[in-house]
C-alpha atoms as a PDB file:
ATOM      1  CA  MET A   1      -8.483  -2.205  37.264  1.00  0.00           C
ATOM      2  CA  THR A   2      -6.303   0.726  37.876  1.00  0.00           C
ATOM      3  CA  VAL A   3      -5.195   3.776  35.741  1.00  0.00           C
ATOM      4  CA  ASP A   4      -1.916   2.015  35.075  1.00  0.00           C
ATOM      5  CA  GLN A   5      -2.997  -1.113  33.378  1.00  0.00           C
ATOM      6  CA  ALA A   6      -5.744   1.078  31.839  1.00  0.00           C
ATOM      7  CA  ARG A   7      -3.156   3.094  30.579  1.00  0.00           C
ATOM      8  CA  SER A   8      -0.749  -0.018  29.705  1.00  0.00           C
ATOM      9  CA  LEU A   9      -3.535  -1.346  27.337  1.00  0.00           C
ATOM     10  CA  PHE A  10      -3.908   1.846  25.281  1.00  0.00           C
ATOM     11  CA  GLU A  11      -0.312   2.302  24.471  1.00  0.00           C
ATOM     12  CA  ALA A  12      -0.640  -1.215  23.215  1.00  0.00           C
ATOM     13  CA  GLY A  13      -3.035  -0.226  21.776  1.00  0.00           C
ATOM     14  CA  ASP A  14      -6.322  -2.457  23.166  1.00  0.00           C
ATOM     15  CA  TYR A  15      -8.317   0.198  22.891  1.00  0.00           C
ATOM     16  CA  SER A  16     -11.690  -1.376  23.225  1.00  0.00           C
ATOM     17  CA  ALA A  17     -10.007  -3.166  26.283  1.00  0.00           C
ATOM     18  CA  ALA A  18      -8.368  -0.219  27.385  1.00  0.00           C
ATOM     19  CA  ARG A  19     -11.473   1.767  27.541  1.00  0.00           C
ATOM     20  CA  GLU A  20     -13.443  -1.099  29.363  1.00  0.00           C
ATOM     21  CA  ALA A  21     -10.560  -0.952  31.988  1.00  0.00           C
ATOM     22  CA  ALA A  22     -11.255   2.544  32.428  1.00  0.00           C
ATOM     23  CA  SER A  23     -15.047   2.894  32.347  1.00  0.00           C
ATOM     24  CA  GLU A  24     -14.340  -0.252  34.766  1.00  0.00           C
ATOM     25  CA  GLY A  25     -12.113   2.158  37.276  1.00  0.00           C
ATOM     26  CA  LEU A  26     -15.118   4.880  36.838  1.00  0.00           C
ATOM     27  CA  ARG A  27     -17.974   2.976  38.310  1.00  0.00           C
ATOM     28  CA  SER A  28     -15.479   4.120  41.743  1.00  0.00           C
ATOM     29  CA  ALA A  29     -13.838   6.949  40.397  1.00  0.00           C
ATOM     30  CA  PRO A  30     -16.849   9.063  38.371  1.00  0.00           C
ATOM     31  CA  ASP A  31     -14.373  12.455  38.136  1.00  0.00           C
ATOM     32  CA  ASP A  32     -10.827  10.460  38.083  1.00  0.00           C
ATOM     33  CA  VAL A  33      -9.525  13.126  35.400  1.00  0.00           C
ATOM     34  CA  GLU A  34      -7.254   9.926  33.715  1.00  0.00           C
ATOM     35  CA  LEU A  35      -9.373   7.470  33.503  1.00  0.00           C
ATOM     36  CA  LEU A  36     -11.813   9.691  32.062  1.00  0.00           C
ATOM     37  CA  ARG A  37      -8.956  11.255  29.592  1.00  0.00           C
ATOM     38  CA  ILE A  38      -8.276   6.954  28.507  1.00  0.00           C
ATOM     39  CA  ALA A  39     -11.681   5.975  28.618  1.00  0.00           C
ATOM     40  CA  GLY A  40     -12.515   9.431  26.451  1.00  0.00           C
ATOM     41  CA  CYS A  41      -9.298   8.682  24.120  1.00  0.00           C
ATOM     42  CA  ALA A  42     -10.301   5.235  23.774  1.00  0.00           C
ATOM     43  CA  GLY A  43     -13.722   5.829  22.565  1.00  0.00           C
ATOM     44  CA  VAL A  44     -12.087   8.142  19.964  1.00  0.00           C
ATOM     45  CA  GLU A  45     -10.376   4.993  18.809  1.00  0.00           C
ATOM     46  CA  THR A  46     -13.384   2.402  18.700  1.00  0.00           C
ATOM     47  CA  GLY A  47     -15.835   5.142  18.055  1.00  0.00           C
ATOM     48  CA  SER A  48     -17.528   4.875  21.111  1.00  0.00           C
ATOM     49  CA  PRO A  49     -20.171   8.166  21.814  1.00  0.00           C
ATOM     50  CA  GLU A  50     -19.298   8.718  25.237  1.00  0.00           C
ATOM     51  CA  SER A  51     -16.011   9.893  24.085  1.00  0.00           C
ATOM     52  CA  LEU A  52     -16.771  13.109  23.638  1.00  0.00           C
ATOM     53  CA  ASP A  53     -18.706  13.714  26.929  1.00  0.00           C
ATOM     54  CA  GLN A  54     -15.727  12.329  28.653  1.00  0.00           C
ATOM     55  CA  LEU A  55     -13.645  14.045  27.559  1.00  0.00           C
ATOM     56  CA  ARG A  56     -15.756  18.047  27.734  1.00  0.00           C
ATOM     57  CA  ARG A  57     -15.388  15.919  31.047  1.00  0.00           C
ATOM     58  CA  VAL A  58     -11.816  16.067  31.051  1.00  0.00           C
ATOM     59  CA  THR A  59     -11.958  20.017  30.177  1.00  0.00           C
ATOM     60  CA  GLU A  60     -13.917  20.960  33.509  1.00  0.00           C
ATOM     61  CA  LEU A  61     -11.720  19.046  35.537  1.00  0.00           C
ATOM     62  CA  ALA A  62      -8.593  20.096  34.499  1.00  0.00           C
ATOM     63  CA  PRO A  63      -9.291  23.342  32.424  1.00  0.00           C
ATOM     64  CA  ASP A  64      -5.532  24.430  31.958  1.00  0.00           C
ATOM     65  CA  ASP A  65      -3.844  21.609  31.007  1.00  0.00           C
ATOM     66  CA  ALA A  66      -3.452  21.459  27.479  1.00  0.00           C
ATOM     67  CA  ARG A  67      -2.846  18.319  27.277  1.00  0.00           C
ATOM     68  CA  SER A  68      -7.097  17.621  28.181  1.00  0.00           C
ATOM     69  CA  TRP A  69      -7.741  20.256  25.475  1.00  0.00           C
ATOM     70  CA  HIS A  70      -5.551  18.875  22.788  1.00  0.00           C
ATOM     71  CA  ASP A  71      -7.413  15.505  23.148  1.00  0.00           C
ATOM     72  CA  LEU A  72     -10.979  16.768  22.987  1.00  0.00           C
ATOM     73  CA  GLY A  73      -9.273  18.691  19.930  1.00  0.00           C
ATOM     74  CA  ASP A  74      -8.847  15.476  17.966  1.00  0.00           C
ATOM     75  CA  ALA A  75     -12.108  13.607  19.198  1.00  0.00           C
ATOM     76  CA  LEU A  76     -13.632  16.853  17.948  1.00  0.00           C
ATOM     77  CA  ALA A  77     -11.761  16.231  14.460  1.00  0.00           C
ATOM     78  CA  THR A  78     -12.621  12.870  14.316  1.00  0.00           C
ATOM     79  CA  ASP A  79     -15.988  13.676  14.414  1.00  0.00           C
ATOM     80  CA  GLY A  80     -16.558  16.200  12.033  1.00  0.00           C
ATOM     81  CA  ARG A  81     -16.522  19.111  14.193  1.00  0.00           C
ATOM     82  CA  ALA A  82     -14.204  21.442  12.881  1.00  0.00           C
ATOM     83  CA  GLU A  83     -15.190  24.896  13.996  1.00  0.00           C
ATOM     84  CA  GLU A  84     -15.405  22.879  17.774  1.00  0.00           C
ATOM     85  CA  ALA A  85     -12.292  21.662  17.384  1.00  0.00           C
ATOM     86  CA  SER A  86     -10.783  24.523  16.164  1.00  0.00           C
ATOM     87  CA  ASP A  87     -11.803  26.538  19.954  1.00  0.00           C
ATOM     88  CA  ALA A  88     -10.454  23.146  21.897  1.00  0.00           C
ATOM     89  CA  PHE A  89      -6.816  23.864  19.852  1.00  0.00           C
ATOM     90  CA  ARG A  90      -6.187  27.151  19.789  1.00  0.00           C
ATOM     91  CA  LYS A  91      -6.868  27.014  24.179  1.00  0.00           C
ATOM     92  CA  ALA A  92      -4.475  24.269  23.693  1.00  0.00           C
ATOM     93  CA  LEU A  93      -1.736  26.505  22.167  1.00  0.00           C
ATOM     94  CA  ASP A  94      -2.970  28.955  24.933  1.00  0.00           C
ATOM     95  CA  LEU A  95      -2.037  26.988  27.661  1.00  0.00           C
ATOM     96  CA  ASP A  96       1.136  25.512  25.747  1.00  0.00           C
ATOM     97  CA  PRO A  97       2.611  27.488  22.636  1.00  0.00           C
ATOM     98  CA  SER A  98       5.198  24.254  22.210  1.00  0.00           C
ATOM     99  CA  ASP A  99       2.594  22.349  21.202  1.00  0.00           C
ATOM    100  CA  GLU A 100       3.573  21.049  17.545  1.00  0.00           C
ATOM    101  CA  LEU A 101       0.529  18.813  16.646  1.00  0.00           C
ATOM    102  CA  ALA A 102      -2.275  21.523  17.986  1.00  0.00           C
ATOM    103  CA  MET A 103      -0.923  23.734  15.807  1.00  0.00           C
ATOM    104  CA  THR A 104      -0.633  21.793  13.274  1.00  0.00           C
ATOM    105  CA  HIS A 105      -4.177  19.936  13.435  1.00  0.00           C
ATOM    106  CA  LEU A 106      -5.391  23.710  14.377  1.00  0.00           C
ATOM    107  CA  GLY A 107      -4.617  24.273  10.238  1.00  0.00           C
ATOM    108  CA  HIS A 108      -5.763  21.459   9.080  1.00  0.00           C
ATOM    109  CA  SER A 109      -9.067  22.251  10.995  1.00  0.00           C
ATOM    110  CA  ALA A 110      -9.346  25.753   9.527  1.00  0.00           C
ATOM    111  CA  PHE A 111      -8.432  23.928   6.386  1.00  0.00           C
ATOM    112  CA  GLN A 112     -11.537  21.832   6.910  1.00  0.00           C
ATOM    113  CA  SER A 113     -13.890  24.411   8.006  1.00  0.00           C
ATOM    114  CA  GLY A 114     -13.079  25.898   4.796  1.00  0.00           C
ATOM    115  CA  LYS A 115     -11.214  28.272   6.100  1.00  0.00           C
ATOM    116  CA  VAL A 116      -8.386  27.830   3.626  1.00  0.00           C
ATOM    117  CA  ASP A 117      -6.196  30.756   3.801  1.00  0.00           C
ATOM    118  CA  GLU A 118      -6.168  30.413   7.794  1.00  0.00           C
ATOM    119  CA  GLY A 119      -5.705  26.904   7.552  1.00  0.00           C
ATOM    120  CA  VAL A 120      -2.284  27.210   5.003  1.00  0.00           C
ATOM    121  CA  LYS A 121      -1.333  30.310   7.003  1.00  0.00           C
ATOM    122  CA  LEU A 122      -1.797  27.980  10.288  1.00  0.00           C
ATOM    123  CA  LEU A 123       0.656  25.168   8.878  1.00  0.00           C
ATOM    124  CA  GLU A 124       3.118  28.054   6.981  1.00  0.00           C
ATOM    125  CA  GLN A 125       3.751  29.352  10.843  1.00  0.00           C
ATOM    126  CA  ALA A 126       4.124  26.123  13.090  1.00  0.00           C
ATOM    127  CA  ALA A 127       6.331  25.222   9.769  1.00  0.00           C
ATOM    128  CA  GLU A 128       8.520  27.996  10.031  1.00  0.00           C
ATOM    129  CA  ARG A 129       8.091  27.300  14.105  1.00  0.00           C
ATOM    130  CA  PHE A 130       9.358  24.424  14.350  1.00  0.00           C
ATOM    131  CA  THR A 131      11.591  23.839  11.853  1.00  0.00           C
ATOM    132  CA  GLY A 132      12.829  20.468  10.190  1.00  0.00           C
ATOM    133  CA  ASN A 133      11.507  17.067   9.766  1.00  0.00           C
ATOM    134  CA  SER A 134       8.090  18.488  12.060  1.00  0.00           C
ATOM    135  CA  THR A 135       4.844  17.185  11.551  1.00  0.00           C
ATOM    136  CA  ALA A 136       3.801  20.782  10.334  1.00  0.00           C
ATOM    137  CA  ALA A 137       6.119  20.480   7.645  1.00  0.00           C
ATOM    138  CA  ILE A 138       5.428  17.695   6.355  1.00  0.00           C
ATOM    139  CA  SER A 139       1.421  18.438   5.939  1.00  0.00           C
ATOM    140  CA  LEU A 140       2.373  21.783   4.540  1.00  0.00           C
ATOM    141  CA  VAL A 141       3.535  19.421   2.110  1.00  0.00           C
ATOM    142  CA  ASP A 142      -0.021  17.502   1.853  1.00  0.00           C
ATOM    143  CA  MET A 143      -1.748  20.769   2.325  1.00  0.00           C
ATOM    144  CA  TYR A 144       0.138  22.717  -0.882  1.00  0.00           C
ATOM    145  CA  ARG A 145      -0.456  19.366  -2.917  1.00  0.00           C
ATOM    146  CA  SER A 146      -4.425  19.388  -2.186  1.00  0.00           C
ATOM    147  CA  LEU A 147      -4.595  23.333  -3.235  1.00  0.00           C
ATOM    148  CA  GLY A 148      -2.560  22.138  -6.493  1.00  0.00           C
ATOM    149  CA  GLN A 149       0.667  24.774  -5.838  1.00  0.00           C
ATOM    150  CA  ASN A 150       3.087  22.459  -6.372  1.00  0.00           C
ATOM    151  CA  GLU A 151       5.584  25.203  -7.160  1.00  0.00           C
ATOM    152  CA  GLU A 152       4.928  25.817  -3.110  1.00  0.00           C
ATOM    153  CA  ALA A 153       4.204  22.256  -2.058  1.00  0.00           C
ATOM    154  CA  LEU A 154       8.299  21.503  -3.762  1.00  0.00           C
ATOM    155  CA  ALA A 155       9.915  23.950  -2.206  1.00  0.00           C
ATOM    156  CA  ALA A 156       8.676  23.384   0.695  1.00  0.00           C
ATOM    157  CA  ALA A 157       9.397  19.548   0.242  1.00  0.00           C
ATOM    158  CA  VAL A 158      12.399  20.076  -0.542  1.00  0.00           C
ATOM    159  CA  LYS A 159      13.087  21.838   3.119  1.00  0.00           C
ATOM    160  CA  VAL A 160      11.768  18.337   4.665  1.00  0.00           C
ATOM    161  CA  ALA A 161      14.441  16.114   2.880  1.00  0.00           C
ATOM    162  CA  ASP A 162      17.244  18.672   3.304  1.00  0.00           C
ATOM    163  CA  ALA A 163      16.444  18.461   7.847  1.00  0.00           C
ATOM    164  CA  ASP A 164      16.433  14.262   7.166  1.00  0.00           C
ATOM    165  CA  PRO A 165      18.066  13.204   4.213  1.00  0.00           C
ATOM    166  CA  ASP A 166      17.447   9.555   4.794  1.00  0.00           C
ATOM    167  CA  ASP A 167      13.668   9.968   4.709  1.00  0.00           C
ATOM    168  CA  ARG A 168      12.010   8.312   1.938  1.00  0.00           C
ATOM    169  CA  LEU A 169       8.537   9.923   1.996  1.00  0.00           C
ATOM    170  CA  SER A 170      10.267  13.377   1.926  1.00  0.00           C
ATOM    171  CA  ALA A 171      12.456  12.247  -0.610  1.00  0.00           C
ATOM    172  CA  LEU A 172       9.681  11.132  -3.006  1.00  0.00           C
ATOM    173  CA  ASP A 173       8.306  13.874  -2.696  1.00  0.00           C
ATOM    174  CA  VAL A 174      10.698  16.002  -4.069  1.00  0.00           C
ATOM    175  CA  ALA A 175      11.363  13.498  -6.275  1.00  0.00           C
ATOM    176  CA  GLU A 176       6.993  13.971  -7.737  1.00  0.00           C
ATOM    177  CA  LEU A 177       7.216  16.961  -7.574  1.00  0.00           C
ATOM    178  CA  SER A 178      10.039  17.847  -8.984  1.00  0.00           C
ATOM    179  CA  LEU A 179       8.716  15.923 -12.209  1.00  0.00           C
ATOM    180  CA  GLU A 180       5.297  17.642 -11.866  1.00  0.00           C
ATOM    181  CA  ASN A 181       7.164  21.031 -11.939  1.00  0.00           C
ATOM    182  CA  GLY A 182       9.047  20.067 -14.982  1.00  0.00           C
ATOM    183  CA  LYS A 183      12.221  21.027 -13.127  1.00  0.00           C
ATOM    184  CA  LEU A 184      13.269  17.489 -14.522  1.00  0.00           C
ATOM    185  CA  ASP A 185      17.101  17.145 -13.442  1.00  0.00           C
ATOM    186  CA  GLU A 186      15.860  17.590 -10.084  1.00  0.00           C
ATOM    187  CA  ALA A 187      14.068  14.925 -10.726  1.00  0.00           C
ATOM    188  CA  ALA A 188      16.407  12.513 -12.182  1.00  0.00           C
ATOM    189  CA  ALA A 189      18.270  13.444  -9.439  1.00  0.00           C
ATOM    190  CA  ALA A 190      15.869  13.240  -6.631  1.00  0.00           C
ATOM    191  CA  PHE A 191      15.329   9.370  -7.806  1.00  0.00           C
ATOM    192  CA  ASP A 192      19.308   8.809  -8.176  1.00  0.00           C
ATOM    193  CA  ARG A 193      18.573   9.477  -4.464  1.00  0.00           C
ATOM    194  CA  LEU A 194      15.331   7.514  -3.659  1.00  0.00           C
ATOM    195  CA  ARG A 195      16.637   4.287  -4.872  1.00  0.00           C
ATOM    196  CA  GLU A 196      20.080   4.343  -2.405  1.00  0.00           C
ATOM    197  CA  ILE A 197      17.874   4.644   0.293  1.00  0.00           C
ATOM    198  CA  VAL A 198      14.972   2.059  -0.244  1.00  0.00           C
ATOM    199  CA  GLU A 199      15.153  -1.133   0.900  1.00  0.00           C
ATOM    200  CA  GLY A 200      14.810  -4.086  -1.121  1.00  0.00           C
ATOM    201  CA  PRO A 201      14.280  -4.695  -4.704  1.00  0.00           C
ATOM    202  CA  GLU A 202      11.068  -4.034  -4.796  1.00  0.00           C
ATOM    203  CA  GLN A 203      11.170  -0.904  -3.832  1.00  0.00           C
ATOM    204  CA  GLU A 204      13.663  -0.223  -6.030  1.00  0.00           C
ATOM    205  CA  VAL A 205      12.029  -1.321  -8.906  1.00  0.00           C
ATOM    206  CA  TRP A 206       9.055   1.302  -8.032  1.00  0.00           C
ATOM    207  CA  VAL A 207      11.908   4.013  -7.930  1.00  0.00           C
ATOM    208  CA  LEU A 208      13.493   3.064 -11.834  1.00  0.00           C
ATOM    209  CA  HIS A 209       9.704   2.905 -12.916  1.00  0.00           C
ATOM    210  CA  GLY A 210       9.807   6.217 -11.522  1.00  0.00           C
ATOM    211  CA  ALA A 211      13.400   7.691 -13.161  1.00  0.00           C
ATOM    212  CA  VAL A 212      11.808   5.912 -16.732  1.00  0.00           C
ATOM    213  CA  LEU A 213       8.883   8.565 -16.689  1.00  0.00           C
ATOM    214  CA  VAL A 214      11.202  11.334 -16.263  1.00  0.00           C
ATOM    215  CA  ALA A 215      13.233  10.126 -18.927  1.00  0.00           C
ATOM    216  CA  LEU A 216       9.469   9.333 -21.179  1.00  0.00           C
ATOM    217  CA  GLU A 217       9.296  13.525 -20.553  1.00  0.00           C
ATOM    218  CA  ARG A 218      12.996  14.155 -21.415  1.00  0.00           C
ATOM    219  CA  ASP A 219      12.080  11.890 -24.765  1.00  0.00           C
ATOM    220  CA  ASP A 220      14.712   9.998 -24.173  1.00  0.00           C
ATOM    221  CA  ALA A 221      13.578   6.829 -25.310  1.00  0.00           C
ATOM    222  CA  PRO A 222      16.976   5.164 -25.218  1.00  0.00           C
ATOM    223  CA  ARG A 223      17.755   5.827 -21.417  1.00  0.00           C
ATOM    224  CA  ALA A 224      14.107   4.787 -20.430  1.00  0.00           C
ATOM    225  CA  LEU A 225      14.529   1.630 -22.201  1.00  0.00           C
ATOM    226  CA  GLU A 226      18.006   1.366 -20.607  1.00  0.00           C
ATOM    227  CA  LEU A 227      16.415   2.164 -16.896  1.00  0.00           C
ATOM    228  CA  ALA A 228      13.087  -0.400 -17.910  1.00  0.00           C
ATOM    229  CA  ARG A 229      16.156  -3.151 -18.307  1.00  0.00           C
ATOM    230  CA  ASP A 230      17.180  -2.717 -15.088  1.00  0.00           C
ATOM    231  CA  ALA A 231      14.002  -3.087 -13.414  1.00  0.00           C
ATOM    232  CA  LEU A 232      12.812  -6.088 -15.272  1.00  0.00           C
ATOM    233  CA  ALA A 233      16.021  -7.523 -13.703  1.00  0.00           C
ATOM    234  CA  ILE A 234      15.137  -7.256 -10.610  1.00  0.00           C
ATOM    235  CA  ASP A 235      11.049  -7.462 -11.383  1.00  0.00           C
ATOM    236  CA  THR A 236       9.567 -10.051  -9.451  1.00  0.00           C
ATOM    237  CA  MET A 237       6.311  -8.979  -9.770  1.00  0.00           C
ATOM    238  CA  GLY A 238       6.192  -8.913 -13.951  1.00  0.00           C
ATOM    239  CA  ARG A 239       5.663  -5.234 -14.091  1.00  0.00           C
ATOM    240  CA  THR A 240       8.300  -3.566 -15.728  1.00  0.00           C
ATOM    241  CA  ALA A 241       7.947  -6.695 -18.791  1.00  0.00           C
ATOM    242  CA  GLY A 242       4.742  -4.897 -20.974  1.00  0.00           C
ATOM    243  CA  VAL A 243       7.587  -1.008 -20.145  1.00  0.00           C
ATOM    244  CA  ILE A 244       9.678  -3.397 -22.073  1.00  0.00           C
ATOM    245  CA  GLY A 245       7.260  -4.383 -25.117  1.00  0.00           C
ATOM    246  CA  HIS A 246       6.415  -0.202 -25.377  1.00  0.00           C
ATOM    247  CA  LEU A 247       9.494   0.931 -25.294  1.00  0.00           C
ATOM    248  CA  GLU A 248      11.423  -1.558 -27.876  1.00  0.00           C
ATOM    249  CA  VAL A 249       8.637   0.295 -30.553  1.00  0.00           C
ATOM    250  CA  VAL A 250       9.312   3.025 -29.676  1.00  0.00           C
ATOM    251  CA  THR A 251      12.984   3.238 -30.044  1.00  0.00           C
ATOM    252  CA  GLY A 252      13.361   0.185 -32.659  1.00  0.00           C
ATOM    253  CA  VAL A 253      14.839  -2.321 -31.014  1.00  0.00           C
ATOM    254  CA  ASP A 254      14.648  -5.787 -32.131  1.00  0.00           C
ATOM    255  CA  PRO A 255      13.620  -7.945 -28.856  1.00  0.00           C
ATOM    256  CA  ALA A 256      14.697 -10.951 -30.721  1.00  0.00           C
ATOM    257  CA  MET A 257      18.556  -9.476 -31.383  1.00  0.00           C
ATOM    258  CA  ASP A 258      19.821  -6.854 -28.932  1.00  0.00           C
ATOM    259  CA  ALA A 259      17.317  -7.710 -25.651  1.00  0.00           C
ATOM    260  CA  PRO A 260      19.381  -9.514 -23.179  1.00  0.00           C
ATOM    261  CA  ARG A 261      18.824 -12.904 -22.864  1.00  0.00           C
ATOM    262  CA  ASP A 262      16.955 -12.432 -19.387  1.00  0.00           C
ATOM    263  CA  ALA A 263      14.055 -10.655 -20.261  1.00  0.00           C
ATOM    264  CA  SER A 264      12.058 -13.094 -21.532  1.00  0.00           C
ATOM    265  CA  ALA A 265       9.081 -11.450 -20.258  1.00  0.00           C
ATOM    266  CA  ALA A 266       9.016  -8.811 -22.276  1.00  0.00           C
ATOM    267  CA  HIS A 267       8.876 -10.782 -25.193  1.00  0.00           C
ATOM    268  CA  THR A 268       6.360 -12.131 -23.921  1.00  0.00           C
ATOM    269  CA  ALA A 269       3.947  -8.976 -23.883  1.00  0.00           C
ATOM    270  CA  ALA A 270       6.123  -7.506 -26.350  1.00  0.00           C
ATOM    271  CA  GLN A 271       4.926 -10.466 -29.158  1.00  0.00           C
ATOM    272  CA  GLY A 272       1.109  -8.598 -27.902  1.00  0.00           C
ATOM    273  CA  VAL A 273       0.236  -5.618 -28.661  1.00  0.00           C
ATOM    274  CA  PRO A 274       2.226  -3.226 -26.761  1.00  0.00           C
ATOM    275  CA  PRO A 275       0.693  -0.887 -24.103  1.00  0.00           C
ATOM    276  CA  THR A 276       0.438   2.482 -25.812  1.00  0.00           C
ATOM    277  CA  ARG A 277       2.146   5.431 -24.221  1.00  0.00           C
ATOM    278  CA  GLN A 278      -0.742   6.539 -21.711  1.00  0.00           C
ATOM    279  CA  GLU A 279      -0.706   2.924 -20.483  1.00  0.00           C
ATOM    280  CA  VAL A 280       2.657   2.811 -19.788  1.00  0.00           C
ATOM    281  CA  ASP A 281       2.249   6.807 -17.617  1.00  0.00           C
ATOM    282  CA  GLN A 282      -0.481   5.256 -15.870  1.00  0.00           C
ATOM    283  CA  ALA A 283       1.426   1.897 -14.505  1.00  0.00           C
ATOM    284  CA  LEU A 284       4.735   3.448 -13.840  1.00  0.00           C
ATOM    285  CA  ARG A 285       2.567   6.245 -11.680  1.00  0.00           C
ATOM    286  CA  GLU A 286       0.471   3.834 -10.116  1.00  0.00           C
ATOM    287  CA  SER A 287       3.852   2.243  -9.024  1.00  0.00           C
ATOM    288  CA  LEU A 288       5.027   5.781  -7.878  1.00  0.00           C
ATOM    289  CA  ARG A 289       1.640   4.858  -5.598  1.00  0.00           C
ATOM    290  CA  ASP A 290       2.744   1.476  -4.708  1.00  0.00           C
ATOM    291  CA  LEU A 291       5.703   2.832  -3.079  1.00  0.00           C
ATOM    292  CA  ARG A 292       4.399   5.033  -1.187  1.00  0.00           C
ATOM    293  CA  LEU A 293       2.254   3.543   0.513  1.00  0.00           C
ATOM    294  CA  PHE A 294       4.210   1.078   0.825  1.00  0.00           C
ATOM    295  CA  GLN A 295       5.989   3.154   3.118  1.00  0.00           C
ATOM    296  CA  ALA A 296       3.451   5.201   4.520  1.00  0.00           C
ATOM    297  CA  GLY A 297       3.291   1.398   5.991  1.00  0.00           C
ATOM    298  CA  ASP A 298      -0.623   0.820   4.676  1.00  0.00           C
ATOM    299  CA  SER A 299      -2.100  -1.998   5.313  1.00  0.00           C
ATOM    300  CA  ARG A 300      -3.579  -2.184   2.148  1.00  0.00           C
ATOM    301  CA  SER A 301      -2.527  -5.033  -0.368  1.00  0.00           C
ATOM    302  CA  ILE A 302      -0.281  -3.240  -3.034  1.00  0.00           C
ATOM    303  CA  GLY A 303      -1.702  -3.717  -6.566  1.00  0.00           C
ATOM    304  CA  ALA A 304       0.815  -6.660  -8.800  1.00  0.00           C
ATOM    305  CA  GLU A 305      -0.659  -6.196 -12.374  1.00  0.00           C
ATOM    306  CA  PRO A 306       1.864  -6.692 -14.963  1.00  0.00           C
ATOM    307  CA  VAL A 307       1.505  -4.052 -18.168  1.00  0.00           C
ATOM    308  CA  GLY A 308      -0.148  -4.598 -21.089  1.00  0.00           C
END
């Protein structure tokens, strides 16, 4: 089995086969750096206990190779050894100051080991060095959010979105964080922009649910009802019916007289006890969560329970 074959299997995502192929090659060439690297990296993916030793061996054989230290840092971080991972990423950066991922991972490792201020500072430096829609900049948004620093998170998210206006996750960050910071005009504009760039009616339904949240925060129930009806018209999963039922009660609309004829699902929901504002808010926020999972390529199934 050749190095090229093992590498091809690894790049194809067949980590078990890649590790097996690399291990086979190592029997006759135990100090082959590339085979050790493939075996170790594939082992990290498959949970092999030998992977760390193999990647450490790579750094011994190629101590001036930044990638070797980066790979070891990844393995140590995956194993929960944040302090050791930081040391490895620092070595990778010393050898290759242009390694954005190493600097980003170094920030995460510092954060995970309890050095919160250091982790934030490292990500701020990385985001400043690697401008635009970079891994460092995106990670900085997430780190600010995890710390509850929503104003800082919004400022960072705006920079990322400005660098790539068609990036849906960045647009969603701006929309959500604007809403959380009470910047309702900015939130409404961000959801309008997001509606333009998402693909497919179900994603548009989720975005409209975000816009309904903004209208509710503005105490503009008629506008919220208008947006909810837009969502209902394309909602194949029935999530908007309860929202309509709640808003018809709030606005005093008689669903039998004023609602569109195609809103039969809303009529059905309104015949029972409509959901409370708290229940509506929760359901709308779950729609935004599902939109985020979808855009991030999350493989988990998306919930489809209607509101109310």
